[in-house]
């Protein structure tokens, strides 16, 4: 069965390649949980692959639906100003493609709950 659903985790990027390791682990966790969905990682800048290249490859391999999740803590400038024009360009280039864009992952209540639990877990109980 051909996979036609894809998930793209969209991150900022950095000069140090070690910065991407947690994002790569996140993508691998998603692949393990949903082997029926193609999961990719794309970057805004400083790292490859970039979002347009990832989406182009997904379309070439027959994907019809792509969900893009900004792996940012909040809806800052990159998510609010830089990402929308990229999405608009992709929709123009691939009008047959169904693209959904979620809010920044850090805006989700369950993510905030997990981060709060982690932060509180760093406090030594007396």
PDB file of N, CA and C in Angstrom:
ATOM      1  N   UNK A   1       0.847  -1.196   0.000  1.00  0.00           N
ATOM      2  CA  UNK A   1       0.000   0.000   0.000  1.00  0.00           C
ATOM      3  C   UNK A   1       0.880   1.242   0.000  1.00  0.00           C
ATOM      4  N   UNK A   2       0.636   2.150  -0.907  1.00  0.00           N
ATOM      5  CA  UNK A   2       1.437   3.363  -1.022  1.00  0.00           C
ATOM      6  C   UNK A   2       1.039   4.358   0.059  1.00  0.00           C
ATOM      7  N   UNK A   3       2.042   4.920   0.700  1.00  0.00           N
ATOM      8  CA  UNK A   3       1.782   5.931   1.717  1.00  0.00           C
ATOM      9  C   UNK A   3       1.466   7.244   1.015  1.00  0.00           C
ATOM     10  N   UNK A   4       0.325   7.823   1.311  1.00  0.00           N
ATOM     11  CA  UNK A   4       0.021   9.117   0.712  1.00  0.00           C
ATOM     12  C   UNK A   4      -0.087  10.214   1.758  1.00  0.00           C
ATOM     13  N   UNK A   5       0.064   9.857   3.020  1.00  0.00           N
ATOM     14  CA  UNK A   5       0.005  10.821   4.116  1.00  0.00           C
ATOM     15  C   UNK A   5       1.422  11.047   4.636  1.00  0.00           C
ATOM     16  N   UNK A   6       1.789  12.297   4.788  1.00  0.00           N
ATOM     17  CA  UNK A   6       3.126  12.615   5.282  1.00  0.00           C
ATOM     18  C   UNK A   6       3.046  13.639   6.402  1.00  0.00           C
ATOM     19  N   UNK A   7       4.012  13.558   7.283  1.00  0.00           N
ATOM     20  CA  UNK A   7       4.173  14.495   8.390  1.00  0.00           C
ATOM     21  C   UNK A   7       5.553  15.112   8.263  1.00  0.00           C
ATOM     22  N   UNK A   8       5.605  16.440   8.272  1.00  0.00           N
ATOM     23  CA  UNK A   8       6.885  17.139   8.211  1.00  0.00           C
ATOM     24  C   UNK A   8       7.055  17.920   9.508  1.00  0.00           C
ATOM     25  N   UNK A   9       8.098  17.577  10.232  1.00  0.00           N
ATOM     26  CA  UNK A   9       8.464  18.318  11.427  1.00  0.00           C
ATOM     27  C   UNK A   9       9.380  19.451  10.980  1.00  0.00           C
ATOM     28  N   UNK A  10       8.952  20.680  11.219  1.00  0.00           N
ATOM     29  CA  UNK A  10       9.641  21.862  10.717  1.00  0.00           C
ATOM     30  C   UNK A  10      10.348  22.557  11.871  1.00  0.00           C
ATOM     31  N   UNK A  11      11.669  22.607  11.793  1.00  0.00           N
ATOM     32  CA  UNK A  11      12.475  23.210  12.854  1.00  0.00           C
ATOM     33  C   UNK A  11      13.315  24.355  12.293  1.00  0.00           C
ATOM     34  N   UNK A  12      13.898  25.132  13.177  1.00  0.00           N
ATOM     35  CA  UNK A  12      14.663  26.299  12.763  1.00  0.00           C
ATOM     36  C   UNK A  12      15.943  25.939  12.030  1.00  0.00           C
ATOM     37  N   UNK A  13      16.798  25.143  12.653  1.00  0.00           N
ATOM     38  CA  UNK A  13      18.117  24.841  12.112  1.00  0.00           C
ATOM     39  C   UNK A  13      19.184  25.597  12.884  1.00  0.00           C
ATOM     40  N   UNK A  14      20.413  25.098  12.837  1.00  0.00           N
ATOM     41  CA  UNK A  14      21.531  25.720  13.547  1.00  0.00           C
ATOM     42  C   UNK A  14      22.831  25.365  12.832  1.00  0.00           C
ATOM     43  N   UNK A  15      23.878  26.076  13.163  1.00  0.00           N
ATOM     44  CA  UNK A  15      25.179  25.800  12.544  1.00  0.00           C
ATOM     45  C   UNK A  15      25.791  24.501  13.070  1.00  0.00           C
ATOM     46  N   UNK A  16      25.542  24.191  14.315  1.00  0.00           N
ATOM     47  CA  UNK A  16      26.100  22.995  14.938  1.00  0.00           C
ATOM     48  C   UNK A  16      25.205  21.803  14.619  1.00  0.00           C
ATOM     49  N   UNK A  17      25.712  20.791  13.924  1.00  0.00           N
ATOM     50  CA  UNK A  17      24.872  19.652  13.549  1.00  0.00           C
ATOM     51  C   UNK A  17      24.310  18.881  14.744  1.00  0.00           C
ATOM     52  N   UNK A  18      24.940  18.995  15.900  1.00  0.00           N
ATOM     53  CA  UNK A  18      24.430  18.307  17.095  1.00  0.00           C
ATOM     54  C   UNK A  18      23.074  18.857  17.527  1.00  0.00           C
ATOM     55  N   UNK A  19      22.778  20.084  17.149  1.00  0.00           N
ATOM     56  CA  UNK A  19      21.504  20.715  17.508  1.00  0.00           C
ATOM     57  C   UNK A  19      20.327  19.900  16.982  1.00  0.00           C
ATOM     58  N   UNK A  20      20.506  19.232  15.838  1.00  0.00           N
ATOM     59  CA  UNK A  20      19.400  18.510  15.200  1.00  0.00           C
ATOM     60  C   UNK A  20      19.115  17.160  15.844  1.00  0.00           C
ATOM     61  N   UNK A  21      19.980  16.661  16.698  1.00  0.00           N
ATOM     62  CA  UNK A  21      19.815  15.311  17.245  1.00  0.00           C
ATOM     63  C   UNK A  21      18.471  15.100  17.937  1.00  0.00           C
ATOM     64  N   UNK A  22      18.011  15.989  18.821  1.00  0.00           N
ATOM     65  CA  UNK A  22      16.699  15.742  19.439  1.00  0.00           C
ATOM     66  C   UNK A  22      15.555  15.743  18.430  1.00  0.00           C
ATOM     67  N   UNK A  23      15.676  16.534  17.373  1.00  0.00           N
ATOM     68  CA  UNK A  23      14.634  16.579  16.346  1.00  0.00           C
ATOM     69  C   UNK A  23      14.632  15.292  15.536  1.00  0.00           C
ATOM     70  N   UNK A  24      15.819  14.760  15.273  1.00  0.00           N
ATOM     71  CA  UNK A  24      15.915  13.472  14.576  1.00  0.00           C
ATOM     72  C   UNK A  24      15.313  12.352  15.434  1.00  0.00           C
ATOM     73  N   UNK A  25      15.561  12.397  16.741  1.00  0.00           N
ATOM     74  CA  UNK A  25      14.960  11.398  17.636  1.00  0.00           C
ATOM     75  C   UNK A  25      13.439  11.535  17.654  1.00  0.00           C
ATOM     76  N   UNK A  26      12.948  12.763  17.653  1.00  0.00           N
ATOM     77  CA  UNK A  26      11.507  13.008  17.619  1.00  0.00           C
ATOM     78  C   UNK A  26      10.896  12.428  16.342  1.00  0.00           C
ATOM     79  N   UNK A  27      11.537  12.659  15.217  1.00  0.00           N
ATOM     80  CA  UNK A  27      11.039  12.112  13.951  1.00  0.00           C
ATOM     81  C   UNK A  27      11.035  10.586  13.995  1.00  0.00           C
ATOM     82  N   UNK A  28      12.070   9.984  14.550  1.00  0.00           N
ATOM     83  CA  UNK A  28      12.128   8.530  14.639  1.00  0.00           C
ATOM     84  C   UNK A  28      11.031   7.981  15.555  1.00  0.00           C
ATOM     85  N   UNK A  29      10.755   8.674  16.654  1.00  0.00           N
ATOM     86  CA  UNK A  29       9.650   8.260  17.542  1.00  0.00           C
ATOM     87  C   UNK A  29       8.322   8.290  16.795  1.00  0.00           C
ATOM     88  N   UNK A  30       8.113   9.348  16.015  1.00  0.00           N
ATOM     89  CA  UNK A  30       6.863   9.461  15.248  1.00  0.00           C
ATOM     90  C   UNK A  30       6.768   8.338  14.212  1.00  0.00           C
ATOM     91  N   UNK A  31       7.877   8.030  13.551  1.00  0.00           N
ATOM     92  CA  UNK A  31       7.876   6.928  12.564  1.00  0.00           C
ATOM     93  C   UNK A  31       7.532   5.601  13.225  1.00  0.00           C
ATOM     94  N   UNK A  32       8.082   5.374  14.403  1.00  0.00           N
ATOM     95  CA  UNK A  32       7.832   4.125  15.113  1.00  0.00           C
ATOM     96  C   UNK A  32       6.366   4.010  15.510  1.00  0.00           C
ATOM     97  N   UNK A  33       5.778   5.125  15.951  1.00  0.00           N
ATOM     98  CA  UNK A  33       4.381   5.113  16.387  1.00  0.00           C
ATOM     99  C   UNK A  33       3.406   4.999  15.216  1.00  0.00           C
ATOM    100  N   UNK A  34       3.774   5.557  14.072  1.00  0.00           N
ATOM    101  CA  UNK A  34       2.885   5.544  12.893  1.00  0.00           C
ATOM    102  C   UNK A  34       3.661   5.137  11.646  1.00  0.00           C
ATOM    103  N   UNK A  35       3.956   3.853  11.508  1.00  0.00           N
ATOM    104  CA  UNK A  35       4.711   3.412  10.332  1.00  0.00           C
ATOM    105  C   UNK A  35       3.967   3.602   9.013  1.00  0.00           C
ATOM    106  N   UNK A  36       2.675   3.885   9.077  1.00  0.00           N
ATOM    107  CA  UNK A  36       1.891   4.118   7.866  1.00  0.00           C
ATOM    108  C   UNK A  36       2.018   5.542   7.338  1.00  0.00           C
ATOM    109  N   UNK A  37       2.721   6.404   8.080  1.00  0.00           N
ATOM    110  CA  UNK A  37       2.878   7.812   7.703  1.00  0.00           C
ATOM    111  C   UNK A  37       4.357   8.083   7.435  1.00  0.00           C
ATOM    112  N   UNK A  38       4.640   8.760   6.333  1.00  0.00           N
ATOM    113  CA  UNK A  38       6.009   9.183   6.054  1.00  0.00           C
ATOM    114  C   UNK A  38       6.320  10.385   6.935  1.00  0.00           C
ATOM    115  N   UNK A  39       7.378  10.285   7.722  1.00  0.00           N
ATOM    116  CA  UNK A  39       7.760  11.372   8.632  1.00  0.00           C
ATOM    117  C   UNK A  39       9.105  11.926   8.178  1.00  0.00           C
ATOM    118  N   UNK A  40       9.142  13.239   7.961  1.00  0.00           N
ATOM    119  CA  UNK A  40      10.362  13.914   7.533  1.00  0.00           C
ATOM    120  C   UNK A  40      10.666  15.072   8.461  1.00  0.00           C
ATOM    121  N   UNK A  41      11.907  15.493   8.418  1.00  0.00           N
ATOM    122  CA  UNK A  41      12.363  16.650   9.175  1.00  0.00           C
ATOM    123  C   UNK A  41      12.846  17.680   8.164  1.00  0.00           C
ATOM    124  N   UNK A  42      12.407  18.930   8.331  1.00  0.00           N
ATOM    125  CA  UNK A  42      12.823  20.016   7.436  1.00  0.00           C
ATOM    126  C   UNK A  42      13.217  21.222   8.277  1.00  0.00           C
ATOM    127  N   UNK A  43      14.074  22.053   7.711  1.00  0.00           N
ATOM    128  CA  UNK A  43      14.595  23.202   8.448  1.00  0.00           C
ATOM    129  C   UNK A  43      14.314  24.504   7.711  1.00  0.00           C
ATOM    130  N   UNK A  44      14.194  25.573   8.495  1.00  0.00           N
ATOM    131  CA  UNK A  44      13.992  26.904   7.950  1.00  0.00           C
ATOM    132  C   UNK A  44      15.296  27.439   7.360  1.00  0.00           C
ATOM    133  N   UNK A  45      16.386  27.293   8.112  1.00  0.00           N
ATOM    134  CA  UNK A  45      17.662  27.847   7.666  1.00  0.00           C
ATOM    135  C   UNK A  45      18.824  27.132   8.352  1.00  0.00           C
ATOM    136  N   UNK A  46      19.998  27.333   7.839  1.00  0.00           N
ATOM    137  CA  UNK A  46      21.262  26.854   8.398  1.00  0.00           C
ATOM    138  C   UNK A  46      21.490  25.353   8.299  1.00  0.00           C
ATOM    139  N   UNK A  47      20.460  24.571   8.003  1.00  0.00           N
ATOM    140  CA  UNK A  47      20.588  23.119   7.875  1.00  0.00           C
ATOM    141  C   UNK A  47      19.775  22.648   6.684  1.00  0.00           C
ATOM    142  N   UNK A  48      20.106  21.466   6.235  1.00  0.00           N
ATOM    143  CA  UNK A  48      19.371  20.817   5.154  1.00  0.00           C
ATOM    144  C   UNK A  48      18.737  19.547   5.711  1.00  0.00           C
ATOM    145  N   UNK A  49      17.625  19.133   5.131  1.00  0.00           N
ATOM    146  CA  UNK A  49      16.930  19.700   3.979  1.00  0.00           C
ATOM    147  C   UNK A  49      15.998  20.831   4.394  1.00  0.00           C
ATOM    148  N   UNK A  50      15.741  21.703   3.451  1.00  0.00           N
ATOM    149  CA  UNK A  50      14.801  22.800   3.660  1.00  0.00           C
ATOM    150  C   UNK A  50      13.397  22.326   3.306  1.00  0.00           C
ATOM    151  N   UNK A  51      12.410  23.054   3.787  1.00  0.00           N
ATOM    152  CA  UNK A  51      11.009  22.657   3.594  1.00  0.00           C
ATOM    153  C   UNK A  51      10.623  22.457   2.131  1.00  0.00           C
ATOM    154  N   UNK A  52      10.939  23.388   1.215  1.00  0.00           N
ATOM    155  CA  UNK A  52      10.532  23.166  -0.182  1.00  0.00           C
ATOM    156  C   UNK A  52      11.107  21.873  -0.774  1.00  0.00           C
ATOM    157  N   UNK A  53      12.337  21.549  -0.443  1.00  0.00           N
ATOM    158  CA  UNK A  53      12.956  20.325  -0.974  1.00  0.00           C
ATOM    159  C   UNK A  53      12.263  19.083  -0.425  1.00  0.00           C
ATOM    160  N   UNK A  54      11.931  19.100   0.855  1.00  0.00           N
ATOM    161  CA  UNK A  54      11.258  17.943   1.463  1.00  0.00           C
ATOM    162  C   UNK A  54       9.882  17.744   0.836  1.00  0.00           C
ATOM    163  N   UNK A  55       9.119  18.820   0.704  1.00  0.00           N
ATOM    164  CA  UNK A  55       7.771  18.702   0.124  1.00  0.00           C
ATOM    165  C   UNK A  55       7.852  18.251  -1.329  1.00  0.00           C
ATOM    166  N   UNK A  56       8.795  18.776  -2.080  1.00  0.00           N
ATOM    167  CA  UNK A  56       8.967  18.364  -3.474  1.00  0.00           C
ATOM    168  C   UNK A  56       9.217  16.858  -3.566  1.00  0.00           C
ATOM    169  N   UNK A  57      10.083  16.336  -2.721  1.00  0.00           N
ATOM    170  CA  UNK A  57      10.373  14.900  -2.721  1.00  0.00           C
ATOM    171  C   UNK A  57       9.147  14.080  -2.324  1.00  0.00           C
ATOM    172  N   UNK A  58       8.395  14.570  -1.353  1.00  0.00           N
ATOM    173  CA  UNK A  58       7.186  13.857  -0.927  1.00  0.00           C
ATOM    174  C   UNK A  58       6.154  13.802  -2.061  1.00  0.00           C
ATOM    175  N   UNK A  59       5.990  14.906  -2.768  1.00  0.00           N
ATOM    176  CA  UNK A  59       5.057  14.933  -3.903  1.00  0.00           C
ATOM    177  C   UNK A  59       5.533  13.971  -4.991  1.00  0.00           C
ATOM    178  N   UNK A  60       6.827  13.991  -5.291  1.00  0.00           N
ATOM    179  CA  UNK A  60       7.379  13.086  -6.314  1.00  0.00           C
ATOM    180  C   UNK A  60       7.153  11.626  -5.955  1.00  0.00           C
ATOM    181  N   UNK A  61       7.133  11.322  -4.662  1.00  0.00           N
ATOM    182  CA  UNK A  61       6.940   9.929  -4.252  1.00  0.00           C
ATOM    183  C   UNK A  61       5.465   9.581  -4.039  1.00  0.00           C
ATOM    184  N   UNK A  62       4.557  10.496  -4.451  1.00  0.00           N
ATOM    185  CA  UNK A  62       3.142  10.164  -4.483  1.00  0.00           C
ATOM    186  C   UNK A  62       2.312  10.605  -3.295  1.00  0.00           C
ATOM    187  N   UNK A  63       2.854  11.408  -2.423  1.00  0.00           N
ATOM    188  CA  UNK A  63       2.081  11.875  -1.271  1.00  0.00           C
ATOM    189  C   UNK A  63       1.076  12.939  -1.709  1.00  0.00           C
ATOM    190  N   UNK A  64      -0.111  12.835  -1.146  1.00  0.00           N
ATOM    191  CA  UNK A  64      -1.201  13.744  -1.498  1.00  0.00           C
ATOM    192  C   UNK A  64      -1.588  14.668  -0.354  1.00  0.00           C
ATOM    193  N   UNK A  65      -1.225  14.289   0.862  1.00  0.00           N
ATOM    194  CA  UNK A  65      -1.577  15.065   2.055  1.00  0.00           C
ATOM    195  C   UNK A  65      -0.321  15.223   2.911  1.00  0.00           C
ATOM    196  N   UNK A  66      -0.056  16.463   3.298  1.00  0.00           N
ATOM    197  CA  UNK A  66       1.113  16.727   4.135  1.00  0.00           C
ATOM    198  C   UNK A  66       0.687  17.605   5.302  1.00  0.00           C
ATOM    199  N   UNK A  67       1.028  17.141   6.480  1.00  0.00           N
ATOM    200  CA  UNK A  67       0.800  17.915   7.696  1.00  0.00           C
ATOM    201  C   UNK A  67       2.150  18.467   8.141  1.00  0.00           C
ATOM    202  N   UNK A  68       2.216  19.782   8.298  1.00  0.00           N
ATOM    203  CA  UNK A  68       3.459  20.434   8.722  1.00  0.00           C
ATOM    204  C   UNK A  68       3.287  20.913  10.154  1.00  0.00           C
ATOM    205  N   UNK A  69       4.219  20.472  11.005  1.00  0.00           N
ATOM    206  CA  UNK A  69       4.184  20.835  12.416  1.00  0.00           C
ATOM    207  C   UNK A  69       5.434  21.633  12.758  1.00  0.00           C
ATOM    208  N   UNK A  70       5.287  22.914  13.083  1.00  0.00           N
ATOM    209  CA  UNK A  70       6.441  23.685  13.521  1.00  0.00           C
ATOM    210  C   UNK A  70       6.892  23.204  14.901  1.00  0.00           C
ATOM    211  N   UNK A  71       8.112  22.699  14.966  1.00  0.00           N
ATOM    212  CA  UNK A  71       8.649  22.207  16.227  1.00  0.00           C
ATOM    213  C   UNK A  71       9.374  23.380  16.895  1.00  0.00           C
ATOM    214  N   UNK A  72       8.557  24.352  17.298  1.00  0.00           N
ATOM    215  CA  UNK A  72       8.999  25.566  17.981  1.00  0.00           C
ATOM    216  C   UNK A  72       8.211  25.638  19.280  1.00  0.00           C
ATOM    217  N   UNK A  73       8.767  26.283  20.294  1.00  0.00           N
ATOM    218  CA  UNK A  73       8.038  26.400  21.560  1.00  0.00           C
ATOM    219  C   UNK A  73       6.872  27.363  21.465  1.00  0.00           C
ATOM    220  N   UNK A  74       6.968  28.373  20.624  1.00  0.00           N
ATOM    221  CA  UNK A  74       5.881  29.340  20.532  1.00  0.00           C
ATOM    222  C   UNK A  74       5.690  29.843  19.115  1.00  0.00           C
ATOM    223  N   UNK A  75       4.625  30.608  18.942  1.00  0.00           N
ATOM    224  CA  UNK A  75       4.277  31.180  17.651  1.00  0.00           C
ATOM    225  C   UNK A  75       5.051  32.491  17.459  1.00  0.00           C
ATOM    226  N   UNK A  76       6.362  32.414  17.387  1.00  0.00           N
ATOM    227  CA  UNK A  76       7.195  33.605  17.222  1.00  0.00           C
ATOM    228  C   UNK A  76       7.318  34.020  15.773  1.00  0.00           C
ATOM    229  N   UNK A  77       8.272  34.895  15.520  1.00  0.00           N
ATOM    230  CA  UNK A  77       8.456  35.479  14.199  1.00  0.00           C
ATOM    231  C   UNK A  77       8.642  34.484  13.079  1.00  0.00           C
ATOM    232  N   UNK A  78       9.437  33.440  13.314  1.00  0.00           N
ATOM    233  CA  UNK A  78       9.665  32.465  12.248  1.00  0.00           C
ATOM    234  C   UNK A  78       8.378  31.748  11.868  1.00  0.00           C
ATOM    235  N   UNK A  79       7.583  31.394  12.864  1.00  0.00           N
ATOM    236  CA  UNK A  79       6.334  30.678  12.587  1.00  0.00           C
ATOM    237  C   UNK A  79       5.285  31.624  12.009  1.00  0.00           C
ATOM    238  N   UNK A  80       5.249  32.853  12.499  1.00  0.00           N
ATOM    239  CA  UNK A  80       4.217  33.797  12.062  1.00  0.00           C
ATOM    240  C   UNK A  80       4.572  34.544  10.783  1.00  0.00           C
ATOM    241  N   UNK A  81       5.870  34.817  10.560  1.00  0.00           N
ATOM    242  CA  UNK A  81       6.263  35.622   9.397  1.00  0.00           C
ATOM    243  C   UNK A  81       6.990  34.837   8.309  1.00  0.00           C
ATOM    244  N   UNK A  82       7.875  33.932   8.692  1.00  0.00           N
ATOM    245  CA  UNK A  82       8.689  33.236   7.695  1.00  0.00           C
ATOM    246  C   UNK A  82       7.995  32.011   7.104  1.00  0.00           C
ATOM    247  N   UNK A  83       7.255  31.293   7.917  1.00  0.00           N
ATOM    248  CA  UNK A  83       6.627  30.060   7.449  1.00  0.00           C
ATOM    249  C   UNK A  83       5.436  30.285   6.513  1.00  0.00           C
ATOM    250  N   UNK A  84       4.517  31.210   6.776  1.00  0.00           N
ATOM    251  CA  UNK A  84       3.361  31.380   5.879  1.00  0.00           C
ATOM    252  C   UNK A  84       3.719  31.607   4.405  1.00  0.00           C
ATOM    253  N   UNK A  85       4.729  32.447   4.084  1.00  0.00           N
ATOM    254  CA  UNK A  85       5.067  32.589   2.659  1.00  0.00           C
ATOM    255  C   UNK A  85       5.601  31.287   2.038  1.00  0.00           C
ATOM    256  N   UNK A  86       6.313  30.491   2.831  1.00  0.00           N
ATOM    257  CA  UNK A  86       6.776  29.192   2.335  1.00  0.00           C
ATOM    258  C   UNK A  86       5.587  28.282   2.024  1.00  0.00           C
ATOM    259  N   UNK A  87       4.610  28.269   2.918  1.00  0.00           N
ATOM    260  CA  UNK A  87       3.406  27.445   2.702  1.00  0.00           C
ATOM    261  C   UNK A  87       2.640  27.935   1.478  1.00  0.00           C
ATOM    262  N   UNK A  88       2.496  29.257   1.346  1.00  0.00           N
ATOM    263  CA  UNK A  88       1.797  29.820   0.182  1.00  0.00           C
ATOM    264  C   UNK A  88       2.487  29.411  -1.120  1.00  0.00           C
ATOM    265  N   UNK A  89       3.811  29.460  -1.124  1.00  0.00           N
ATOM    266  CA  UNK A  89       4.576  29.086  -2.318  1.00  0.00           C
ATOM    267  C   UNK A  89       4.385  27.598  -2.641  1.00  0.00           C
ATOM    268  N   UNK A  90       4.393  26.765  -1.612  1.00  0.00           N
ATOM    269  CA  UNK A  90       4.184  25.336  -1.829  1.00  0.00           C
ATOM    270  C   UNK A  90       2.786  25.051  -2.363  1.00  0.00           C
ATOM    271  N   UNK A  91       1.787  25.747  -1.840  1.00  0.00           N
ATOM    272  CA  UNK A  91       0.412  25.556  -2.322  1.00  0.00           C
ATOM    273  C   UNK A  91       0.268  26.007  -3.775  1.00  0.00           C
ATOM    274  N   UNK A  92       1.003  27.052  -4.135  1.00  0.00           N
ATOM    275  CA  UNK A  92       0.974  27.528  -5.517  1.00  0.00           C
ATOM    276  C   UNK A  92       1.687  26.542  -6.444  1.00  0.00           C
ATOM    277  N   UNK A  93       2.806  26.011  -5.990  1.00  0.00           N
ATOM    278  CA  UNK A  93       3.586  25.067  -6.793  1.00  0.00           C
ATOM    279  C   UNK A  93       2.871  23.730  -6.940  1.00  0.00           C
ATOM    280  N   UNK A  94       2.206  23.298  -5.878  1.00  0.00           N
ATOM    281  CA  UNK A  94       1.535  21.988  -5.860  1.00  0.00           C
ATOM    282  C   UNK A  94       0.059  22.155  -5.496  1.00  0.00           C
ATOM    283  N   UNK A  95      -0.753  22.692  -6.429  1.00  0.00           N
ATOM    284  CA  UNK A  95      -2.162  22.956  -6.095  1.00  0.00           C
ATOM    285  C   UNK A  95      -2.967  21.696  -5.772  1.00  0.00           C
ATOM    286  N   UNK A  96      -2.507  20.544  -6.217  1.00  0.00           N
ATOM    287  CA  UNK A  96      -3.210  19.286  -5.946  1.00  0.00           C
ATOM    288  C   UNK A  96      -2.926  18.759  -4.545  1.00  0.00           C
ATOM    289  N   UNK A  97      -1.939  19.308  -3.888  1.00  0.00           N
ATOM    290  CA  UNK A  97      -1.489  18.828  -2.591  1.00  0.00           C
ATOM    291  C   UNK A  97      -2.318  19.436  -1.460  1.00  0.00           C
ATOM    292  N   UNK A  98      -2.748  18.592  -0.548  1.00  0.00           N
ATOM    293  CA  UNK A  98      -3.455  19.066   0.643  1.00  0.00           C
ATOM    294  C   UNK A  98      -2.413  19.301   1.740  1.00  0.00           C
ATOM    295  N   UNK A  99      -2.225  20.563   2.118  1.00  0.00           N
ATOM    296  CA  UNK A  99      -1.240  20.925   3.134  1.00  0.00           C
ATOM    297  C   UNK A  99      -1.975  21.466   4.350  1.00  0.00           C
ATOM    298  N   UNK A 100      -1.691  20.876   5.506  1.00  0.00           N
ATOM    299  CA  UNK A 100      -2.230  21.434   6.745  1.00  0.00           C
ATOM    300  C   UNK A 100      -1.053  21.914   7.590  1.00  0.00           C
ATOM    301  N   UNK A 101      -1.281  22.996   8.288  1.00  0.00           N
ATOM    302  CA  UNK A 101      -0.252  23.609   9.120  1.00  0.00           C
ATOM    303  C   UNK A 101      -0.788  23.742  10.532  1.00  0.00           C
ATOM    304  N   UNK A 102      -0.067  23.164  11.484  1.00  0.00           N
ATOM    305  CA  UNK A 102      -0.500  23.256  12.874  1.00  0.00           C
ATOM    306  C   UNK A 102       0.173  24.445  13.556  1.00  0.00           C
ATOM    307  N   UNK A 103      -0.269  24.723  14.768  1.00  0.00           N
ATOM    308  CA  UNK A 103       0.404  25.726  15.590  1.00  0.00           C
ATOM    309  C   UNK A 103       1.749  25.173  16.051  1.00  0.00           C
ATOM    310  N   UNK A 104       2.575  26.037  16.577  1.00  0.00           N
ATOM    311  CA  UNK A 104       3.857  25.600  17.138  1.00  0.00           C
ATOM    312  C   UNK A 104       3.589  24.547  18.203  1.00  0.00           C
ATOM    313  N   UNK A 105       4.413  23.521  18.213  1.00  0.00           N
ATOM    314  CA  UNK A 105       4.207  22.382  19.113  1.00  0.00           C
ATOM    315  C   UNK A 105       4.157  22.827  20.581  1.00  0.00           C
ATOM    316  N   UNK A 106       4.916  23.833  20.933  1.00  0.00           N
ATOM    317  CA  UNK A 106       4.948  24.308  22.317  1.00  0.00           C
ATOM    318  C   UNK A 106       3.681  24.993  22.772  1.00  0.00           C
ATOM    319  N   UNK A 107       2.771  25.277  21.856  1.00  0.00           N
ATOM    320  CA  UNK A 107       1.491  25.892  22.207  1.00  0.00           C
ATOM    321  C   UNK A 107       0.474  24.862  22.699  1.00  0.00           C
ATOM    322  N   UNK A 108       0.759  23.580  22.464  1.00  0.00           N
ATOM    323  CA  UNK A 108      -0.168  22.520  22.832  1.00  0.00           C
ATOM    324  C   UNK A 108      -0.135  22.267  24.343  1.00  0.00           C
ATOM    325  N   UNK A 109      -1.315  22.117  24.939  1.00  0.00           N
ATOM    326  CA  UNK A 109      -1.415  21.916  26.394  1.00  0.00           C
ATOM    327  C   UNK A 109      -0.668  20.675  26.865  1.00  0.00           C
ATOM    328  N   UNK A 110      -0.765  19.576  26.113  1.00  0.00           N
ATOM    329  CA  UNK A 110      -0.099  18.349  26.548  1.00  0.00           C
ATOM    330  C   UNK A 110       1.424  18.490  26.491  1.00  0.00           C
ATOM    331  N   UNK A 111       1.918  19.246  25.530  1.00  0.00           N
ATOM    332  CA  UNK A 111       3.359  19.497  25.445  1.00  0.00           C
ATOM    333  C   UNK A 111       3.795  20.369  26.613  1.00  0.00           C
ATOM    334  N   UNK A 112       3.019  21.403  26.917  1.00  0.00           N
ATOM    335  CA  UNK A 112       3.352  22.260  28.051  1.00  0.00           C
ATOM    336  C   UNK A 112       3.337  21.474  29.353  1.00  0.00           C
ATOM    337  N   UNK A 113       2.372  20.567  29.478  1.00  0.00           N
ATOM    338  CA  UNK A 113       2.286  19.720  30.673  1.00  0.00           C
ATOM    339  C   UNK A 113       3.537  18.852  30.805  1.00  0.00           C
ATOM    340  N   UNK A 114       3.975  18.250  29.707  1.00  0.00           N
ATOM    341  CA  UNK A 114       5.175  17.413  29.726  1.00  0.00           C
ATOM    342  C   UNK A 114       6.425  18.225  30.069  1.00  0.00           C
ATOM    343  N   UNK A 115       6.528  19.425  29.517  1.00  0.00           N
ATOM    344  CA  UNK A 115       7.680  20.279  29.813  1.00  0.00           C
ATOM    345  C   UNK A 115       7.664  20.697  31.278  1.00  0.00           C
ATOM    346  N   UNK A 116       6.498  21.054  31.790  1.00  0.00           N
ATOM    347  CA  UNK A 116       6.393  21.431  33.209  1.00  0.00           C
ATOM    348  C   UNK A 116       6.796  20.261  34.100  1.00  0.00           C
ATOM    349  N   UNK A 117       6.332  19.050  33.765  1.00  0.00           N
ATOM    350  CA  UNK A 117       6.709  17.866  34.544  1.00  0.00           C
ATOM    351  C   UNK A 117       8.214  17.654  34.514  1.00  0.00           C
ATOM    352  N   UNK A 118       8.807  17.810  33.353  1.00  0.00           N
ATOM    353  CA  UNK A 118      10.262  17.664  33.244  1.00  0.00           C
ATOM    354  C   UNK A 118      10.971  18.694  34.123  1.00  0.00           C
ATOM    355  N   UNK A 119      10.549  19.953  34.011  1.00  0.00           N
ATOM    356  CA  UNK A 119      11.185  21.030  34.784  1.00  0.00           C
ATOM    357  C   UNK A 119      11.048  20.762  36.288  1.00  0.00           C
ATOM    358  N   UNK A 120       9.866  20.382  36.712  1.00  0.00           N
ATOM    359  CA  UNK A 120       9.657  20.098  38.137  1.00  0.00           C
ATOM    360  C   UNK A 120      10.457  18.879  38.579  1.00  0.00           C
ATOM    361  N   UNK A 121      10.683  17.951  37.661  1.00  0.00           N
ATOM    362  CA  UNK A 121      11.460  16.762  37.985  1.00  0.00           C
ATOM    363  C   UNK A 121      12.923  17.044  38.244  1.00  0.00           C
ATOM    364  N   UNK A 122      13.372  18.229  37.874  1.00  0.00           N
ATOM    365  CA  UNK A 122      14.775  18.574  38.124  1.00  0.00           C
ATOM    366  C   UNK A 122      15.002  19.071  39.547  1.00  0.00           C
ATOM    367  N   UNK A 123      13.909  19.307  40.283  1.00  0.00           N
ATOM    368  CA  UNK A 123      14.003  19.784  41.664  1.00  0.00           C
ATOM    369  C   UNK A 123      14.168  18.584  42.589  1.00  0.00           C
ATOM    370  N   UNK A 124      15.183  18.642  43.393  1.00  0.00           N
ATOM    371  CA  UNK A 124      15.428  17.536  44.348  1.00  0.00           C
ATOM    372  C   UNK A 124      14.404  17.633  45.461  1.00  0.00           C
ATOM    373  N   UNK A 125      13.738  16.489  45.745  1.00  0.00           N
ATOM    374  CA  UNK A 125      12.806  16.441  46.871  1.00  0.00           C
ATOM    375  C   UNK A 125      13.610  16.351  48.164  1.00  0.00           C
ATOM    376  N   UNK A 126      13.140  17.066  49.157  1.00  0.00           N
ATOM    377  CA  UNK A 126      13.849  17.042  50.446  1.00  0.00           C
ATOM    378  C   UNK A 126      13.097  16.248  51.461  1.00  0.00           C
TER     379      UNK A 126
END
